[in-house]
Amino acid sequence: MQGTKMRVSTKGQVTIPLHLRKKIGIFPGCEVEFGEAKGQLYIRKVKGTSRGKDLVQRMTGKGTVKMTTGEILALTRGED
């Protein structure tokens, strides 16, 4: 297997190349899992984590405006 070479920092950190993060769907806040098998190190995205779900979870209950869904939709559509 041939891939992108990265240097490990003194803290044991590496940067996952952008093209691989995009391909696998790894975004800030995603959980990843490290493992080892037959002398090979691997990393994989933990199933069930996604940027959208994380964002919704963090934003739930943060709104302070008392509007109905219909009122919000009318406002975003420019309706009077």
PDB file of N, CA and C in Angstrom:
ATOM      1  N   MET A   1       0.848  -1.182   0.000  1.00  0.00           N
ATOM      2  CA  MET A   1       0.000   0.000   0.000  1.00  0.00           C
ATOM      3  C   MET A   1       0.887   1.236   0.000  1.00  0.00           C
ATOM      4  N   GLN A   2       0.602   2.173  -0.869  1.00  0.00           N
ATOM      5  CA  GLN A   2       1.352   3.413  -0.930  1.00  0.00           C
ATOM      6  C   GLN A   2       0.413   4.552  -0.588  1.00  0.00           C
ATOM      7  N   GLY A   3       0.877   5.470   0.223  1.00  0.00           N
ATOM      8  CA  GLY A   3       0.018   6.580   0.634  1.00  0.00           C
ATOM      9  C   GLY A   3       0.819   7.850   0.807  1.00  0.00           C
ATOM     10  N   THR A   4       0.221   8.802   1.490  1.00  0.00           N
ATOM     11  CA  THR A   4       0.844  10.083   1.752  1.00  0.00           C
ATOM     12  C   THR A   4       1.701   9.976   3.013  1.00  0.00           C
ATOM     13  N   LYS A   5       2.951  10.410   2.934  1.00  0.00           N
ATOM     14  CA  LYS A   5       3.838  10.366   4.093  1.00  0.00           C
ATOM     15  C   LYS A   5       3.623  11.610   4.943  1.00  0.00           C
ATOM     16  N   MET A   6       3.556  11.415   6.259  1.00  0.00           N
ATOM     17  CA  MET A   6       3.391  12.514   7.204  1.00  0.00           C
ATOM     18  C   MET A   6       4.402  12.334   8.323  1.00  0.00           C
ATOM     19  N   ARG A   7       4.825  13.421   8.913  1.00  0.00           N
ATOM     20  CA  ARG A   7       5.766  13.370  10.038  1.00  0.00           C
ATOM     21  C   ARG A   7       4.970  13.427  11.338  1.00  0.00           C
ATOM     22  N   VAL A   8       5.348  12.591  12.295  1.00  0.00           N
ATOM     23  CA  VAL A   8       4.698  12.555  13.603  1.00  0.00           C
ATOM     24  C   VAL A   8       5.330  13.625  14.486  1.00  0.00           C
ATOM     25  N   SER A   9       4.478  14.420  15.162  1.00  0.00           N
ATOM     26  CA  SER A   9       4.983  15.471  16.048  1.00  0.00           C
ATOM     27  C   SER A   9       5.496  14.861  17.356  1.00  0.00           C
ATOM     28  N   THR A  10       6.110  15.688  18.183  1.00  0.00           N
ATOM     29  CA  THR A  10       6.604  15.214  19.474  1.00  0.00           C
ATOM     30  C   THR A  10       5.470  14.767  20.388  1.00  0.00           C
ATOM     31  N   LYS A  11       4.253  15.222  20.113  1.00  0.00           N
ATOM     32  CA  LYS A  11       3.078  14.808  20.891  1.00  0.00           C
ATOM     33  C   LYS A  11       2.407  13.575  20.295  1.00  0.00           C
ATOM     34  N   GLY A  12       2.990  13.008  19.248  1.00  0.00           N
ATOM     35  CA  GLY A  12       2.404  11.837  18.608  1.00  0.00           C
ATOM     36  C   GLY A  12       1.277  12.174  17.651  1.00  0.00           C
ATOM     37  N   GLN A  13       1.197  13.423  17.218  1.00  0.00           N
ATOM     38  CA  GLN A  13       0.119  13.867  16.345  1.00  0.00           C
ATOM     39  C   GLN A  13       0.546  13.858  14.880  1.00  0.00           C
ATOM     40  N   VAL A  14      -0.418  13.589  14.023  1.00  0.00           N
ATOM     41  CA  VAL A  14      -0.226  13.714  12.580  1.00  0.00           C
ATOM     42  C   VAL A  14      -1.437  14.439  12.010  1.00  0.00           C
ATOM     43  N   THR A  15      -1.259  15.038  10.858  1.00  0.00           N
ATOM     44  CA  THR A  15      -2.370  15.678  10.163  1.00  0.00           C
ATOM     45  C   THR A  15      -2.889  14.709   9.118  1.00  0.00           C
ATOM     46  N   ILE A  16      -4.180  14.441   9.166  1.00  0.00           N
ATOM     47  CA  ILE A  16      -4.795  13.584   8.146  1.00  0.00           C
ATOM     48  C   ILE A  16      -4.966  14.442   6.894  1.00  0.00           C
ATOM     49  N   PRO A  17      -4.405  14.020   5.766  1.00  0.00           N
ATOM     50  CA  PRO A  17      -4.510  14.829   4.547  1.00  0.00           C
ATOM     51  C   PRO A  17      -5.965  15.161   4.203  1.00  0.00           C
ATOM     52  N   LEU A  18      -6.182  16.394   3.739  1.00  0.00           N
ATOM     53  CA  LEU A  18      -7.526  16.887   3.441  1.00  0.00           C
ATOM     54  C   LEU A  18      -8.287  15.970   2.493  1.00  0.00           C
ATOM     55  N   HIS A  19      -7.624  15.492   1.431  1.00  0.00           N
ATOM     56  CA  HIS A  19      -8.350  14.661   0.452  1.00  0.00           C
ATOM     57  C   HIS A  19      -8.862  13.365   1.115  1.00  0.00           C
ATOM     58  N   LEU A  20      -8.134  12.848   2.091  1.00  0.00           N
ATOM     59  CA  LEU A  20      -8.596  11.645   2.784  1.00  0.00           C
ATOM     60  C   LEU A  20      -9.718  11.970   3.769  1.00  0.00           C
ATOM     61  N   ARG A  21      -9.607  13.101   4.471  1.00  0.00           N
ATOM     62  CA  ARG A  21     -10.686  13.504   5.392  1.00  0.00           C
ATOM     63  C   ARG A  21     -11.988  13.699   4.638  1.00  0.00           C
ATOM     64  N   LYS A  22     -11.905  14.355   3.476  1.00  0.00           N
ATOM     65  CA  LYS A  22     -13.117  14.581   2.673  1.00  0.00           C
ATOM     66  C   LYS A  22     -13.700  13.262   2.178  1.00  0.00           C
ATOM     67  N   LYS A  23     -12.829  12.379   1.709  1.00  0.00           N
ATOM     68  CA  LYS A  23     -13.278  11.099   1.160  1.00  0.00           C
ATOM     69  C   LYS A  23     -13.999  10.259   2.211  1.00  0.00           C
ATOM     70  N   ILE A  24     -13.471  10.242   3.431  1.00  0.00           N
ATOM     71  CA  ILE A  24     -14.028   9.416   4.499  1.00  0.00           C
ATOM     72  C   ILE A  24     -15.110  10.147   5.285  1.00  0.00           C
ATOM     73  N   GLY A  25     -15.143  11.482   5.185  1.00  0.00           N
ATOM     74  CA  GLY A  25     -16.146  12.253   5.916  1.00  0.00           C
ATOM     75  C   GLY A  25     -15.735  12.553   7.348  1.00  0.00           C
ATOM     76  N   ILE A  26     -14.444  12.819   7.539  1.00  0.00           N
ATOM     77  CA  ILE A  26     -13.952  13.175   8.869  1.00  0.00           C
ATOM     78  C   ILE A  26     -13.877  14.697   8.951  1.00  0.00           C
ATOM     79  N   PHE A  27     -14.648  15.259   9.883  1.00  0.00           N
ATOM     80  CA  PHE A  27     -14.694  16.700  10.084  1.00  0.00           C
ATOM     81  C   PHE A  27     -14.366  17.006  11.534  1.00  0.00           C
ATOM     82  N   PRO A  28     -14.070  18.265  11.868  1.00  0.00           N
ATOM     83  CA  PRO A  28     -13.799  18.600  13.265  1.00  0.00           C
ATOM     84  C   PRO A  28     -14.935  18.119  14.168  1.00  0.00           C
ATOM     85  N   GLY A  29     -14.577  17.467  15.234  1.00  0.00           N
ATOM     86  CA  GLY A  29     -15.563  16.942  16.177  1.00  0.00           C
ATOM     87  C   GLY A  29     -15.930  15.485  15.945  1.00  0.00           C
ATOM     88  N   CYS A  30     -15.581  14.925  14.793  1.00  0.00           N
ATOM     89  CA  CYS A  30     -15.861  13.513  14.518  1.00  0.00           C
ATOM     90  C   CYS A  30     -14.993  12.643  15.424  1.00  0.00           C
ATOM     91  N   GLU A  31     -15.518  11.503  15.784  1.00  0.00           N
ATOM     92  CA  GLU A  31     -14.741  10.545  16.544  1.00  0.00           C
ATOM     93  C   GLU A  31     -14.099   9.550  15.597  1.00  0.00           C
ATOM     94  N   VAL A  32     -12.842   9.217  15.885  1.00  0.00           N
ATOM     95  CA  VAL A  32     -12.125   8.206  15.115  1.00  0.00           C
ATOM     96  C   VAL A  32     -11.623   7.147  16.077  1.00  0.00           C
ATOM     97  N   GLU A  33     -11.349   5.996  15.536  1.00  0.00           N
ATOM     98  CA  GLU A  33     -10.875   4.869  16.330  1.00  0.00           C
ATOM     99  C   GLU A  33      -9.543   4.396  15.747  1.00  0.00           C
ATOM    100  N   PHE A  34      -8.588   4.148  16.621  1.00  0.00           N
ATOM    101  CA  PHE A  34      -7.298   3.617  16.200  1.00  0.00           C
ATOM    102  C   PHE A  34      -7.235   2.151  16.570  1.00  0.00           C
ATOM    103  N   GLY A  35      -6.556   1.383  15.757  1.00  0.00           N
ATOM    104  CA  GLY A  35      -6.385  -0.027  16.046  1.00  0.00           C
ATOM    105  C   GLY A  35      -5.124  -0.558  15.400  1.00  0.00           C
ATOM    106  N   GLU A  36      -4.823  -1.806  15.723  1.00  0.00           N
ATOM    107  CA  GLU A  36      -3.635  -2.455  15.176  1.00  0.00           C
ATOM    108  C   GLU A  36      -3.997  -3.885  14.859  1.00  0.00           C
ATOM    109  N   ALA A  37      -3.545  -4.334  13.706  1.00  0.00           N
ATOM    110  CA  ALA A  37      -3.770  -5.717  13.293  1.00  0.00           C
ATOM    111  C   ALA A  37      -2.587  -6.162  12.442  1.00  0.00           C
ATOM    112  N   LYS A  38      -1.976  -7.246  12.817  1.00  0.00           N
ATOM    113  CA  LYS A  38      -0.858  -7.831  12.067  1.00  0.00           C
ATOM    114  C   LYS A  38       0.242  -6.813  11.781  1.00  0.00           C
ATOM    115  N   GLY A  39       0.578  -6.001  12.790  1.00  0.00           N
ATOM    116  CA  GLY A  39       1.648  -5.036  12.637  1.00  0.00           C
ATOM    117  C   GLY A  39       1.280  -3.786  11.856  1.00  0.00           C
ATOM    118  N   GLN A  40       0.031  -3.636  11.487  1.00  0.00           N
ATOM    119  CA  GLN A  40      -0.443  -2.471  10.739  1.00  0.00           C
ATOM    120  C   GLN A  40      -1.302  -1.604  11.662  1.00  0.00           C
ATOM    121  N   LEU A  41      -1.089  -0.311  11.624  1.00  0.00           N
ATOM    122  CA  LEU A  41      -1.896   0.635  12.381  1.00  0.00           C
ATOM    123  C   LEU A  41      -3.005   1.137  11.464  1.00  0.00           C
ATOM    124  N   TYR A  42      -4.213   1.250  11.997  1.00  0.00           N
ATOM    125  CA  TYR A  42      -5.301   1.791  11.178  1.00  0.00           C
ATOM    126  C   TYR A  42      -6.099   2.805  11.979  1.00  0.00           C
ATOM    127  N   ILE A  43      -6.786   3.654  11.254  1.00  0.00           N
ATOM    128  CA  ILE A  43      -7.684   4.644  11.830  1.00  0.00           C
ATOM    129  C   ILE A  43      -8.981   4.568  11.044  1.00  0.00           C
ATOM    130  N   ARG A  44     -10.093   4.655  11.748  1.00  0.00           N
ATOM    131  CA  ARG A  44     -11.381   4.675  11.036  1.00  0.00           C
ATOM    132  C   ARG A  44     -12.355   5.568  11.770  1.00  0.00           C
ATOM    133  N   LYS A  45     -13.275   6.118  11.016  1.00  0.00           N
ATOM    134  CA  LYS A  45     -14.315   6.973  11.570  1.00  0.00           C
ATOM    135  C   LYS A  45     -15.294   6.104  12.334  1.00  0.00           C
ATOM    136  N   VAL A  46     -15.678   6.558  13.522  1.00  0.00           N
ATOM    137  CA  VAL A  46     -16.653   5.834  14.319  1.00  0.00           C
ATOM    138  C   VAL A  46     -18.017   6.016  13.672  1.00  0.00           C
ATOM    139  N   LYS A  47     -18.695   4.915  13.413  1.00  0.00           N
ATOM    140  CA  LYS A  47     -20.008   4.992  12.765  1.00  0.00           C
ATOM    141  C   LYS A  47     -20.982   5.747  13.653  1.00  0.00           C
ATOM    142  N   GLY A  48     -21.876   6.459  12.997  1.00  0.00           N
ATOM    143  CA  GLY A  48     -22.903   7.190  13.724  1.00  0.00           C
ATOM    144  C   GLY A  48     -22.510   8.625  14.037  1.00  0.00           C
ATOM    145  N   THR A  49     -21.274   8.994  13.756  1.00  0.00           N
ATOM    146  CA  THR A  49     -20.888  10.381  13.982  1.00  0.00           C
ATOM    147  C   THR A  49     -20.928  11.123  12.662  1.00  0.00           C
ATOM    148  N   SER A  50     -21.494  12.294  12.702  1.00  0.00           N
ATOM    149  CA  SER A  50     -21.505  13.131  11.504  1.00  0.00           C
ATOM    150  C   SER A  50     -21.536  14.586  11.917  1.00  0.00           C
ATOM    151  N   ARG A  51     -21.050  15.425  11.055  1.00  0.00           N
ATOM    152  CA  ARG A  51     -20.994  16.847  11.362  1.00  0.00           C
ATOM    153  C   ARG A  51     -22.396  17.415  11.539  1.00  0.00           C
ATOM    154  N   GLY A  52     -23.345  16.976  10.717  1.00  0.00           N
ATOM    155  CA  GLY A  52     -24.713  17.483  10.805  1.00  0.00           C
ATOM    156  C   GLY A  52     -25.387  17.118  12.119  1.00  0.00           C
ATOM    157  N   LYS A  53     -25.283  15.867  12.514  1.00  0.00           N
ATOM    158  CA  LYS A  53     -25.890  15.431  13.775  1.00  0.00           C
ATOM    159  C   LYS A  53     -25.261  16.154  14.951  1.00  0.00           C
ATOM    160  N   ASP A  54     -23.944  16.318  14.921  1.00  0.00           N
ATOM    161  CA  ASP A  54     -23.246  17.011  16.001  1.00  0.00           C
ATOM    162  C   ASP A  54     -23.709  18.459  16.083  1.00  0.00           C
ATOM    163  N   LEU A  55     -23.852  19.119  14.939  1.00  0.00           N
ATOM    164  CA  LEU A  55     -24.295  20.508  14.918  1.00  0.00           C
ATOM    165  C   LEU A  55     -25.703  20.642  15.481  1.00  0.00           C
ATOM    166  N   VAL A  56     -26.598  19.764  15.060  1.00  0.00           N
ATOM    167  CA  VAL A  56     -27.978  19.809  15.560  1.00  0.00           C
ATOM    168  C   VAL A  56     -27.999  19.591  17.068  1.00  0.00           C
ATOM    169  N   GLN A  57     -27.218  18.638  17.539  1.00  0.00           N
ATOM    170  CA  GLN A  57     -27.172  18.355  18.978  1.00  0.00           C
ATOM    171  C   GLN A  57     -26.665  19.574  19.766  1.00  0.00           C
ATOM    172  N   ARG A  58     -25.621  20.226  19.249  1.00  0.00           N
ATOM    173  CA  ARG A  58     -25.075  21.390  19.945  1.00  0.00           C
ATOM    174  C   ARG A  58     -26.024  22.581  19.919  1.00  0.00           C
ATOM    175  N   MET A  59     -26.828  22.728  18.854  1.00  0.00           N
ATOM    176  CA  MET A  59     -27.706  23.883  18.716  1.00  0.00           C
ATOM    177  C   MET A  59     -29.072  23.698  19.363  1.00  0.00           C
ATOM    178  N   THR A  60     -29.451  22.467  19.663  1.00  0.00           N
ATOM    179  CA  THR A  60     -30.759  22.203  20.248  1.00  0.00           C
ATOM    180  C   THR A  60     -30.929  22.981  21.547  1.00  0.00           C
ATOM    181  N   GLY A  61     -32.036  23.723  21.624  1.00  0.00           N
ATOM    182  CA  GLY A  61     -32.347  24.486  22.827  1.00  0.00           C
ATOM    183  C   GLY A  61     -31.650  25.824  22.932  1.00  0.00           C
ATOM    184  N   LYS A  62     -30.925  26.246  21.889  1.00  0.00           N
ATOM    185  CA  LYS A  62     -30.166  27.495  21.947  1.00  0.00           C
ATOM    186  C   LYS A  62     -30.964  28.703  21.478  1.00  0.00           C
ATOM    187  N   GLY A  63     -32.062  28.471  20.767  1.00  0.00           N
ATOM    188  CA  GLY A  63     -32.838  29.575  20.227  1.00  0.00           C
ATOM    189  C   GLY A  63     -33.585  30.335  21.314  1.00  0.00           C
ATOM    190  N   THR A  64     -33.699  31.644  21.146  1.00  0.00           N
ATOM    191  CA  THR A  64     -34.408  32.463  22.127  1.00  0.00           C
ATOM    192  C   THR A  64     -35.604  33.185  21.514  1.00  0.00           C
ATOM    193  N   VAL A  65     -35.758  33.111  20.195  1.00  0.00           N
ATOM    194  CA  VAL A  65     -36.857  33.782  19.519  1.00  0.00           C
ATOM    195  C   VAL A  65     -38.097  32.900  19.605  1.00  0.00           C
ATOM    196  N   LYS A  66     -39.194  33.507  20.024  1.00  0.00           N
ATOM    197  CA  LYS A  66     -40.450  32.757  20.144  1.00  0.00           C
ATOM    198  C   LYS A  66     -41.282  32.939  18.879  1.00  0.00           C
ATOM    199  N   MET A  67     -40.975  32.133  17.867  1.00  0.00           N
ATOM    200  CA  MET A  67     -41.699  32.178  16.596  1.00  0.00           C
ATOM    201  C   MET A  67     -42.110  30.763  16.239  1.00  0.00           C
ATOM    202  N   THR A  68     -43.214  30.655  15.518  1.00  0.00           N
ATOM    203  CA  THR A  68     -43.635  29.353  15.027  1.00  0.00           C
ATOM    204  C   THR A  68     -42.806  29.005  13.802  1.00  0.00           C
ATOM    205  N   THR A  69     -42.820  27.736  13.423  1.00  0.00           N
ATOM    206  CA  THR A  69     -42.100  27.307  12.231  1.00  0.00           C
ATOM    207  C   THR A  69     -42.618  28.056  11.011  1.00  0.00           C
ATOM    208  N   GLY A  70     -43.927  28.222  10.924  1.00  0.00           N
ATOM    209  CA  GLY A  70     -44.523  28.942   9.804  1.00  0.00           C
ATOM    210  C   GLY A  70     -44.044  30.385   9.721  1.00  0.00           C
ATOM    211  N   GLU A  71     -43.942  31.050  10.877  1.00  0.00           N
ATOM    212  CA  GLU A  71     -43.450  32.433  10.904  1.00  0.00           C
ATOM    213  C   GLU A  71     -41.988  32.512  10.463  1.00  0.00           C
ATOM    214  N   ILE A  72     -41.190  31.566  10.906  1.00  0.00           N
ATOM    215  CA  ILE A  72     -39.770  31.548  10.500  1.00  0.00           C
ATOM    216  C   ILE A  72     -39.641  31.307   9.006  1.00  0.00           C
ATOM    217  N   LEU A  73     -40.418  30.357   8.466  1.00  0.00           N
ATOM    218  CA  LEU A  73     -40.371  30.083   7.028  1.00  0.00           C
ATOM    219  C   LEU A  73     -40.807  31.289   6.218  1.00  0.00           C
ATOM    220  N   ALA A  74     -41.868  31.971   6.664  1.00  0.00           N
ATOM    221  CA  ALA A  74     -42.330  33.162   5.963  1.00  0.00           C
ATOM    222  C   ALA A  74     -41.243  34.234   5.981  1.00  0.00           C
ATOM    223  N   LEU A  75     -40.564  34.378   7.090  1.00  0.00           N
ATOM    224  CA  LEU A  75     -39.493  35.363   7.199  1.00  0.00           C
ATOM    225  C   LEU A  75     -38.341  35.031   6.257  1.00  0.00           C
ATOM    226  N   THR A  76     -37.935  33.770   6.171  1.00  0.00           N
ATOM    227  CA  THR A  76     -36.821  33.390   5.316  1.00  0.00           C
ATOM    228  C   THR A  76     -37.196  33.461   3.832  1.00  0.00           C
ATOM    229  N   ARG A  77     -38.469  33.356   3.524  1.00  0.00           N
ATOM    230  CA  ARG A  77     -38.923  33.432   2.135  1.00  0.00           C
ATOM    231  C   ARG A  77     -39.247  34.866   1.712  1.00  0.00           C
ATOM    232  N   GLY A  78     -39.187  35.784   2.652  1.00  0.00           N
ATOM    233  CA  GLY A  78     -39.473  37.175   2.328  1.00  0.00           C
ATOM    234  C   GLY A  78     -40.966  37.466   2.206  1.00  0.00           C
ATOM    235  N   GLU A  79     -41.791  36.603   2.785  1.00  0.00           N
ATOM    236  CA  GLU A  79     -43.234  36.792   2.737  1.00  0.00           C
ATOM    237  C   GLU A  79     -43.655  37.778   3.817  1.00  0.00           C
ATOM    238  N   ASP A  80     -44.732  38.511   3.540  1.00  0.00           N
ATOM    239  CA  ASP A  80     -45.262  39.454   4.541  1.00  0.00           C
ATOM    240  C   ASP A  80     -46.239  38.781   5.451  1.00  0.00           C
TER     241      ASP A  80
END
